[in-house]
Amino acid sequence: MELSQQRFNELMALRSNYSLDLQLGGMSTEETERTQLLLDDINAELKEYGFGASEN
C-alpha cells in the first residue's frame, strides 16, 4: 500500500498545525494530551510509510 500525495500533504499540514498548537500552549491539560495523541498518530502513520517523524 502506498501513501498518496494528497494524504501525505494532509498529514504534513496537520502535523505542522498540531506542533504549532503545542508550542504556543494555552490549552487545557486535556486539549494538550489530545493534541499530542493526534500528533503521535500522524507521526506513526508517516513512519509506517518510511517518512521520518522528526518534527514534534
Protein backbone atom coordinates (compact mmCIF):
# COMPACT_ATOMS: atom_id res chain seq x y z
CA MET A 1 0.00 0.00 0.00
CA GLU A 2 1.29 3.44 -0.93
CA LEU A 3 0.72 6.81 0.68
CA SER A 4 -0.99 9.14 -1.78
CA GLN A 5 0.36 12.64 -2.34
CA GLN A 6 -2.94 14.06 -1.09
CA ARG A 7 -2.80 12.06 2.16
CA PHE A 8 0.86 12.95 2.65
CA ASN A 9 0.02 16.65 2.25
CA GLU A 10 -2.87 16.33 4.71
CA LEU A 11 -0.69 14.62 7.29
CA MET A 12 2.10 17.17 6.94
CA ALA A 13 -0.34 20.08 7.30
CA LEU A 14 -1.97 18.51 10.37
CA ARG A 15 1.43 17.72 11.90
CA SER A 16 2.53 21.30 11.40
CA ASN A 17 -0.68 22.69 12.90
CA TYR A 18 -0.63 20.38 15.93
CA SER A 19 3.07 21.04 16.56
CA LEU A 20 2.42 24.77 16.48
CA ASP A 21 -0.53 24.38 18.85
CA LEU A 22 1.69 22.56 21.32
CA GLN A 23 4.45 25.16 21.02
CA LEU A 24 2.06 28.06 21.55
CA GLY A 25 0.46 26.44 24.58
CA GLY A 26 -2.55 28.00 26.28
CA MET A 27 -4.57 24.79 26.06
CA SER A 28 -6.06 22.83 28.91
CA THR A 29 -4.30 19.67 30.01
CA GLU A 30 -6.93 17.58 28.23
CA GLU A 31 -6.50 19.54 24.99
CA THR A 32 -2.74 19.23 25.21
CA GLU A 33 -2.94 15.47 25.77
CA ARG A 34 -5.42 15.05 22.90
CA THR A 35 -3.27 17.12 20.56
CA GLN A 36 -0.17 15.12 21.48
CA LEU A 37 -2.02 11.84 20.85
CA LEU A 38 -3.17 13.08 17.44
CA LEU A 39 0.38 14.16 16.61
CA ASP A 40 1.70 10.76 17.71
CA ASP A 41 -0.84 9.04 15.43
CA ILE A 42 0.18 11.20 12.49
CA ASN A 43 3.87 10.53 13.11
CA ALA A 44 3.19 6.79 13.37
CA GLU A 45 1.34 6.80 10.05
CA LEU A 46 4.17 8.70 8.37
CA LYS A 47 6.74 6.33 9.86
CA GLU A 48 4.73 3.36 8.58
CA TYR A 49 5.35 4.67 5.06
CA GLY A 50 9.04 5.35 5.65
CA PHE A 51 8.90 9.06 6.40
CA GLY A 52 10.76 10.35 9.42
CA ALA A 53 8.86 12.00 12.23
CA SER A 54 11.46 14.45 13.45
CA GLU A 55 9.06 17.37 13.96
CA ASN A 56 7.43 17.01 17.34
